[in-house]
Amino acid sequence: MEEQEVLNYVKAASAAVGLKLDAERAVAVAQHFGRTVAMARLLEQAQLAPEHELAEIYRAAPFPTEEAQA
């Protein structure tokens, strides 16, 4: 996306969810969003297998029972 397209998207998305952004804030959000898109594109090119993802390793702790809290 071009810079103006990103800015237009940010303005449309913020209006859709009722978030008021002044012009300066909209430009700042668009710049951050553009950088995030660029980082995501780099990550998409990385040759990672599912077992390399930390989310696959993470295991949530069991929910504490009343006995454990006493």
PDB file of N, CA and C in Angstrom:
ATOM      1  N   MET A   1       0.836  -1.181   0.000  1.00  0.00           N
ATOM      2  CA  MET A   1       0.000   0.000   0.000  1.00  0.00           C
ATOM      3  C   MET A   1       0.879   1.241   0.000  1.00  0.00           C
ATOM      4  N   GLU A   2       0.422   2.238  -0.684  1.00  0.00           N
ATOM      5  CA  GLU A   2       1.094   3.531  -0.675  1.00  0.00           C
ATOM      6  C   GLU A   2       0.733   4.286   0.601  1.00  0.00           C
ATOM      7  N   GLU A   3       1.550   5.280   0.955  1.00  0.00           N
ATOM      8  CA  GLU A   3       1.313   6.030   2.188  1.00  0.00           C
ATOM      9  C   GLU A   3      -0.094   6.626   2.242  1.00  0.00           C
ATOM     10  N   GLN A   4      -0.538   7.197   1.133  1.00  0.00           N
ATOM     11  CA  GLN A   4      -1.867   7.821   1.118  1.00  0.00           C
ATOM     12  C   GLN A   4      -2.970   6.779   1.288  1.00  0.00           C
ATOM     13  N   GLU A   5      -2.759   5.595   0.736  1.00  0.00           N
ATOM     14  CA  GLU A   5      -3.743   4.517   0.898  1.00  0.00           C
ATOM     15  C   GLU A   5      -3.832   4.077   2.361  1.00  0.00           C
ATOM     16  N   VAL A   6      -2.684   3.995   3.020  1.00  0.00           N
ATOM     17  CA  VAL A   6      -2.664   3.619   4.438  1.00  0.00           C
ATOM     18  C   VAL A   6      -3.382   4.684   5.257  1.00  0.00           C
ATOM     19  N   LEU A   7      -3.099   5.942   4.967  1.00  0.00           N
ATOM     20  CA  LEU A   7      -3.752   7.037   5.687  1.00  0.00           C
ATOM     21  C   LEU A   7      -5.260   7.003   5.462  1.00  0.00           C
ATOM     22  N   ASN A   8      -5.679   6.779   4.225  1.00  0.00           N
ATOM     23  CA  ASN A   8      -7.115   6.677   3.936  1.00  0.00           C
ATOM     24  C   ASN A   8      -7.751   5.522   4.701  1.00  0.00           C
ATOM     25  N   TYR A   9      -7.036   4.397   4.786  1.00  0.00           N
ATOM     26  CA  TYR A   9      -7.545   3.243   5.531  1.00  0.00           C
ATOM     27  C   TYR A   9      -7.701   3.585   7.006  1.00  0.00           C
ATOM     28  N   VAL A  10      -6.681   4.215   7.585  1.00  0.00           N
ATOM     29  CA  VAL A  10      -6.726   4.579   9.006  1.00  0.00           C
ATOM     30  C   VAL A  10      -7.907   5.502   9.272  1.00  0.00           C
ATOM     31  N   LYS A  11      -8.100   6.492   8.416  1.00  0.00           N
ATOM     32  CA  LYS A  11      -9.216   7.424   8.592  1.00  0.00           C
ATOM     33  C   LYS A  11     -10.559   6.707   8.488  1.00  0.00           C
ATOM     34  N   ALA A  12     -10.693   5.820   7.504  1.00  0.00           N
ATOM     35  CA  ALA A  12     -11.953   5.093   7.328  1.00  0.00           C
ATOM     36  C   ALA A  12     -12.209   4.141   8.491  1.00  0.00           C
ATOM     37  N   ALA A  13     -11.163   3.431   8.932  1.00  0.00           N
ATOM     38  CA  ALA A  13     -11.319   2.477  10.029  1.00  0.00           C
ATOM     39  C   ALA A  13     -11.661   3.195  11.328  1.00  0.00           C
ATOM     40  N   SER A  14     -11.004   4.310  11.580  1.00  0.00           N
ATOM     41  CA  SER A  14     -11.291   5.041  12.819  1.00  0.00           C
ATOM     42  C   SER A  14     -12.711   5.596  12.802  1.00  0.00           C
ATOM     43  N   ALA A  15     -13.159   6.054  11.650  1.00  0.00           N
ATOM     44  CA  ALA A  15     -14.539   6.551  11.545  1.00  0.00           C
ATOM     45  C   ALA A  15     -15.536   5.410  11.735  1.00  0.00           C
ATOM     46  N   ALA A  16     -15.190   4.233  11.217  1.00  0.00           N
ATOM     47  CA  ALA A  16     -16.097   3.082  11.317  1.00  0.00           C
ATOM     48  C   ALA A  16     -16.315   2.643  12.760  1.00  0.00           C
ATOM     49  N   VAL A  17     -15.295   2.802  13.597  1.00  0.00           N
ATOM     50  CA  VAL A  17     -15.419   2.385  14.993  1.00  0.00           C
ATOM     51  C   VAL A  17     -15.682   3.565  15.929  1.00  0.00           C
ATOM     52  N   GLY A  18     -15.880   4.749  15.357  1.00  0.00           N
ATOM     53  CA  GLY A  18     -16.213   5.915  16.165  1.00  0.00           C
ATOM     54  C   GLY A  18     -15.043   6.505  16.931  1.00  0.00           C
ATOM     55  N   LEU A  19     -13.837   6.316  16.429  1.00  0.00           N
ATOM     56  CA  LEU A  19     -12.633   6.842  17.068  1.00  0.00           C
ATOM     57  C   LEU A  19     -12.247   8.139  16.379  1.00  0.00           C
ATOM     58  N   LYS A  20     -12.284   9.219  17.116  1.00  0.00           N
ATOM     59  CA  LYS A  20     -11.963  10.520  16.535  1.00  0.00           C
ATOM     60  C   LYS A  20     -10.451  10.731  16.545  1.00  0.00           C
ATOM     61  N   LEU A  21      -9.889  10.951  15.354  1.00  0.00           N
ATOM     62  CA  LEU A  21      -8.463  11.220  15.218  1.00  0.00           C
ATOM     63  C   LEU A  21      -8.291  12.555  14.513  1.00  0.00           C
ATOM     64  N   ASP A  22      -7.470  13.438  15.099  1.00  0.00           N
ATOM     65  CA  ASP A  22      -7.161  14.658  14.357  1.00  0.00           C
ATOM     66  C   ASP A  22      -6.157  14.293  13.257  1.00  0.00           C
ATOM     67  N   ALA A  23      -5.885  15.225  12.369  1.00  0.00           N
ATOM     68  CA  ALA A  23      -5.039  14.943  11.207  1.00  0.00           C
ATOM     69  C   ALA A  23      -3.650  14.461  11.610  1.00  0.00           C
ATOM     70  N   GLU A  24      -3.055  15.112  12.618  1.00  0.00           N
ATOM     71  CA  GLU A  24      -1.710  14.741  13.062  1.00  0.00           C
ATOM     72  C   GLU A  24      -1.683  13.326  13.631  1.00  0.00           C
ATOM     73  N   ARG A  25      -2.689  12.983  14.435  1.00  0.00           N
ATOM     74  CA  ARG A  25      -2.760  11.648  15.042  1.00  0.00           C
ATOM     75  C   ARG A  25      -2.993  10.592  13.967  1.00  0.00           C
ATOM     76  N   ALA A  26      -3.836  10.901  12.983  1.00  0.00           N
ATOM     77  CA  ALA A  26      -4.103   9.945  11.907  1.00  0.00           C
ATOM     78  C   ALA A  26      -2.832   9.637  11.120  1.00  0.00           C
ATOM     79  N   VAL A  27      -2.018  10.661  10.875  1.00  0.00           N
ATOM     80  CA  VAL A  27      -0.748  10.444  10.168  1.00  0.00           C
ATOM     81  C   VAL A  27       0.174   9.562  11.009  1.00  0.00           C
ATOM     82  N   ALA A  28       0.252   9.815  12.313  1.00  0.00           N
ATOM     83  CA  ALA A  28       1.107   9.010  13.196  1.00  0.00           C
ATOM     84  C   ALA A  28       0.651   7.557  13.223  1.00  0.00           C
ATOM     85  N   VAL A  29      -0.656   7.342  13.326  1.00  0.00           N
ATOM     86  CA  VAL A  29      -1.185   5.971  13.335  1.00  0.00           C
ATOM     87  C   VAL A  29      -0.878   5.288  12.001  1.00  0.00           C
ATOM     88  N   ALA A  30      -1.040   6.008  10.906  1.00  0.00           N
ATOM     89  CA  ALA A  30      -0.763   5.445   9.585  1.00  0.00           C
ATOM     90  C   ALA A  30       0.707   5.063   9.449  1.00  0.00           C
ATOM     91  N   GLN A  31       1.605   5.879   9.986  1.00  0.00           N
ATOM     92  CA  GLN A  31       3.033   5.551   9.933  1.00  0.00           C
ATOM     93  C   GLN A  31       3.335   4.279  10.730  1.00  0.00           C
ATOM     94  N   HIS A  32       2.781   4.164  11.923  1.00  0.00           N
ATOM     95  CA  HIS A  32       2.986   2.956  12.734  1.00  0.00           C
ATOM     96  C   HIS A  32       2.392   1.735  12.036  1.00  0.00           C
ATOM     97  N   PHE A  33       1.210   1.905  11.486  1.00  0.00           N
ATOM     98  CA  PHE A  33       0.553   0.807  10.782  1.00  0.00           C
ATOM     99  C   PHE A  33       1.394   0.366   9.583  1.00  0.00           C
ATOM    100  N   GLY A  34       1.920   1.330   8.838  1.00  0.00           N
ATOM    101  CA  GLY A  34       2.765   1.006   7.689  1.00  0.00           C
ATOM    102  C   GLY A  34       4.004   0.236   8.092  1.00  0.00           C
ATOM    103  N   ARG A  35       4.628   0.634   9.210  1.00  0.00           N
ATOM    104  CA  ARG A  35       5.802  -0.103   9.700  1.00  0.00           C
ATOM    105  C   ARG A  35       5.423  -1.512  10.127  1.00  0.00           C
ATOM    106  N   THR A  36       4.266  -1.646  10.748  1.00  0.00           N
ATOM    107  CA  THR A  36       3.816  -2.970  11.177  1.00  0.00           C
ATOM    108  C   THR A  36       3.583  -3.880   9.977  1.00  0.00           C
ATOM    109  N   VAL A  37       2.997  -3.344   8.935  1.00  0.00           N
ATOM    110  CA  VAL A  37       2.778  -4.118   7.708  1.00  0.00           C
ATOM    111  C   VAL A  37       4.113  -4.554   7.122  1.00  0.00           C
ATOM    112  N   ALA A  38       5.089  -3.660   7.103  1.00  0.00           N
ATOM    113  CA  ALA A  38       6.411  -3.991   6.559  1.00  0.00           C
ATOM    114  C   ALA A  38       7.061  -5.114   7.373  1.00  0.00           C
ATOM    115  N   MET A  39       6.953  -5.052   8.701  1.00  0.00           N
ATOM    116  CA  MET A  39       7.524  -6.116   9.543  1.00  0.00           C
ATOM    117  C   MET A  39       6.810  -7.440   9.305  1.00  0.00           C
ATOM    118  N   ALA A  40       5.494  -7.383   9.158  1.00  0.00           N
ATOM    119  CA  ALA A  40       4.730  -8.614   8.921  1.00  0.00           C
ATOM    120  C   ALA A  40       5.140  -9.255   7.596  1.00  0.00           C
ATOM    121  N   ARG A  41       5.371  -8.442   6.592  1.00  0.00           N
ATOM    122  CA  ARG A  41       5.805  -8.987   5.295  1.00  0.00           C
ATOM    123  C   ARG A  41       7.165  -9.668   5.405  1.00  0.00           C
ATOM    124  N   LEU A  42       8.061  -9.085   6.197  1.00  0.00           N
ATOM    125  CA  LEU A  42       9.367  -9.720   6.410  1.00  0.00           C
ATOM    126  C   LEU A  42       9.205 -11.061   7.123  1.00  0.00           C
ATOM    127  N   LEU A  43       8.348 -11.093   8.134  1.00  0.00           N
ATOM    128  CA  LEU A  43       8.137 -12.335   8.878  1.00  0.00           C
ATOM    129  C   LEU A  43       7.490 -13.413   8.020  1.00  0.00           C
ATOM    130  N   GLU A  44       6.630 -13.006   7.111  1.00  0.00           N
ATOM    131  CA  GLU A  44       5.993 -13.988   6.227  1.00  0.00           C
ATOM    132  C   GLU A  44       7.022 -14.703   5.356  1.00  0.00           C
ATOM    133  N   GLN A  45       8.145 -14.053   5.079  1.00  0.00           N
ATOM    134  CA  GLN A  45       9.184 -14.643   4.240  1.00  0.00           C
ATOM    135  C   GLN A  45      10.093 -15.592   5.016  1.00  0.00           C
ATOM    136  N   ALA A  46      10.054 -15.529   6.331  1.00  0.00           N
ATOM    137  CA  ALA A  46      10.912 -16.384   7.148  1.00  0.00           C
ATOM    138  C   ALA A  46      10.463 -17.838   7.034  1.00  0.00           C
ATOM    139  N   GLN A  47      11.420 -18.704   6.920  1.00  0.00           N
ATOM    140  CA  GLN A  47      11.135 -20.132   6.797  1.00  0.00           C
ATOM    141  C   GLN A  47      10.990 -20.742   8.190  1.00  0.00           C
ATOM    142  N   LEU A  48       9.803 -20.609   8.758  1.00  0.00           N
ATOM    143  CA  LEU A  48       9.550 -21.137  10.092  1.00  0.00           C
ATOM    144  C   LEU A  48       8.544 -22.277  10.026  1.00  0.00           C
ATOM    145  N   ALA A  49       8.844 -23.322  10.744  1.00  0.00           N
ATOM    146  CA  ALA A  49       7.919 -24.444  10.869  1.00  0.00           C
ATOM    147  C   ALA A  49       7.055 -24.203  12.105  1.00  0.00           C
ATOM    148  N   PRO A  50       5.903 -24.852  12.181  1.00  0.00           N
ATOM    149  CA  PRO A  50       5.032 -24.651  13.351  1.00  0.00           C
ATOM    150  C   PRO A  50       5.742 -24.865  14.691  1.00  0.00           C
ATOM    151  N   GLU A  51       6.695 -25.781  14.735  1.00  0.00           N
ATOM    152  CA  GLU A  51       7.371 -26.032  16.008  1.00  0.00           C
ATOM    153  C   GLU A  51       8.321 -24.893  16.410  1.00  0.00           C
ATOM    154  N   HIS A  52       8.583 -23.964  15.525  1.00  0.00           N
ATOM    155  CA  HIS A  52       9.409 -22.800  15.859  1.00  0.00           C
ATOM    156  C   HIS A  52       8.603 -21.690  16.518  1.00  0.00           C
ATOM    157  N   GLU A  53       7.302 -21.765  16.456  1.00  0.00           N
ATOM    158  CA  GLU A  53       6.439 -20.736  17.019  1.00  0.00           C
ATOM    159  C   GLU A  53       6.286 -20.938  18.522  1.00  0.00           C
ATOM    160  N   LEU A  54       6.521 -19.905  19.296  1.00  0.00           N
ATOM    161  CA  LEU A  54       6.392 -20.019  20.745  1.00  0.00           C
ATOM    162  C   LEU A  54       4.969 -20.364  21.168  1.00  0.00           C
ATOM    163  N   ALA A  55       3.995 -19.935  20.390  1.00  0.00           N
ATOM    164  CA  ALA A  55       2.608 -20.242  20.742  1.00  0.00           C
ATOM    165  C   ALA A  55       2.364 -21.746  20.748  1.00  0.00           C
ATOM    166  N   GLU A  56       3.115 -22.485  19.968  1.00  0.00           N
ATOM    167  CA  GLU A  56       2.972 -23.932  19.958  1.00  0.00           C
ATOM    168  C   GLU A  56       3.609 -24.561  21.202  1.00  0.00           C
ATOM    169  N   ILE A  57       4.556 -23.853  21.808  1.00  0.00           N
ATOM    170  CA  ILE A  57       5.241 -24.370  22.990  1.00  0.00           C
ATOM    171  C   ILE A  57       4.496 -23.987  24.263  1.00  0.00           C
ATOM    172  N   TYR A  58       3.854 -22.844  24.247  1.00  0.00           N
ATOM    173  CA  TYR A  58       3.176 -22.312  25.428  1.00  0.00           C
ATOM    174  C   TYR A  58       2.060 -23.249  25.882  1.00  0.00           C
ATOM    175  N   ARG A  59       1.997 -23.480  27.150  1.00  0.00           N
ATOM    176  CA  ARG A  59       0.918 -24.262  27.755  1.00  0.00           C
ATOM    177  C   ARG A  59       0.375 -23.455  28.918  1.00  0.00           C
ATOM    178  N   ALA A  60      -0.882 -23.141  28.876  1.00  0.00           N
ATOM    179  CA  ALA A  60      -1.488 -22.356  29.952  1.00  0.00           C
ATOM    180  C   ALA A  60      -1.520 -23.180  31.232  1.00  0.00           C
ATOM    181  N   ALA A  61      -1.315 -22.511  32.336  1.00  0.00           N
ATOM    182  CA  ALA A  61      -1.402 -23.188  33.629  1.00  0.00           C
ATOM    183  C   ALA A  61      -2.857 -23.519  33.906  1.00  0.00           C
ATOM    184  N   PRO A  62      -3.119 -24.600  34.606  1.00  0.00           N
ATOM    185  CA  PRO A  62      -4.499 -24.931  34.928  1.00  0.00           C
ATOM    186  C   PRO A  62      -5.115 -23.854  35.805  1.00  0.00           C
ATOM    187  N   PHE A  63      -6.401 -23.666  35.647  1.00  0.00           N
ATOM    188  CA  PHE A  63      -7.108 -22.672  36.448  1.00  0.00           C
ATOM    189  C   PHE A  63      -7.085 -23.112  37.906  1.00  0.00           C
ATOM    190  N   PRO A  64      -6.719 -22.211  38.814  1.00  0.00           N
ATOM    191  CA  PRO A  64      -6.633 -22.606  40.227  1.00  0.00           C
ATOM    192  C   PRO A  64      -7.990 -23.029  40.793  1.00  0.00           C
ATOM    193  N   THR A  65      -7.959 -24.041  41.592  1.00  0.00           N
ATOM    194  CA  THR A  65      -9.188 -24.492  42.260  1.00  0.00           C
ATOM    195  C   THR A  65      -9.309 -23.763  43.598  1.00  0.00           C
ATOM    196  N   GLU A  66     -10.452 -23.924  44.246  1.00  0.00           N
ATOM    197  CA  GLU A  66     -10.642 -23.275  45.553  1.00  0.00           C
ATOM    198  C   GLU A  66      -9.648 -23.815  46.586  1.00  0.00           C
ATOM    199  N   GLU A  67      -9.286 -25.094  46.475  1.00  0.00           N
ATOM    200  CA  GLU A  67      -8.319 -25.698  47.398  1.00  0.00           C
ATOM    201  C   GLU A  67      -6.961 -25.016  47.279  1.00  0.00           C
ATOM    202  N   ALA A  68      -6.554 -24.730  46.054  1.00  0.00           N
ATOM    203  CA  ALA A  68      -5.255 -24.126  45.834  1.00  0.00           C
ATOM    204  C   ALA A  68      -5.196 -22.693  46.340  1.00  0.00           C
ATOM    205  N   GLN A  69      -6.327 -22.026  46.384  1.00  0.00           N
ATOM    206  CA  GLN A  69      -6.367 -20.641  46.827  1.00  0.00           C
ATOM    207  C   GLN A  69      -6.432 -20.530  48.347  1.00  0.00           C
ATOM    208  N   ALA A  70      -6.797 -21.582  49.031  1.00  0.00           N
ATOM    209  CA  ALA A  70      -6.967 -21.529  50.511  1.00  0.00           C
ATOM    210  C   ALA A  70      -5.674 -21.539  51.251  1.00  0.00           C
TER     211      ALA A  70
END
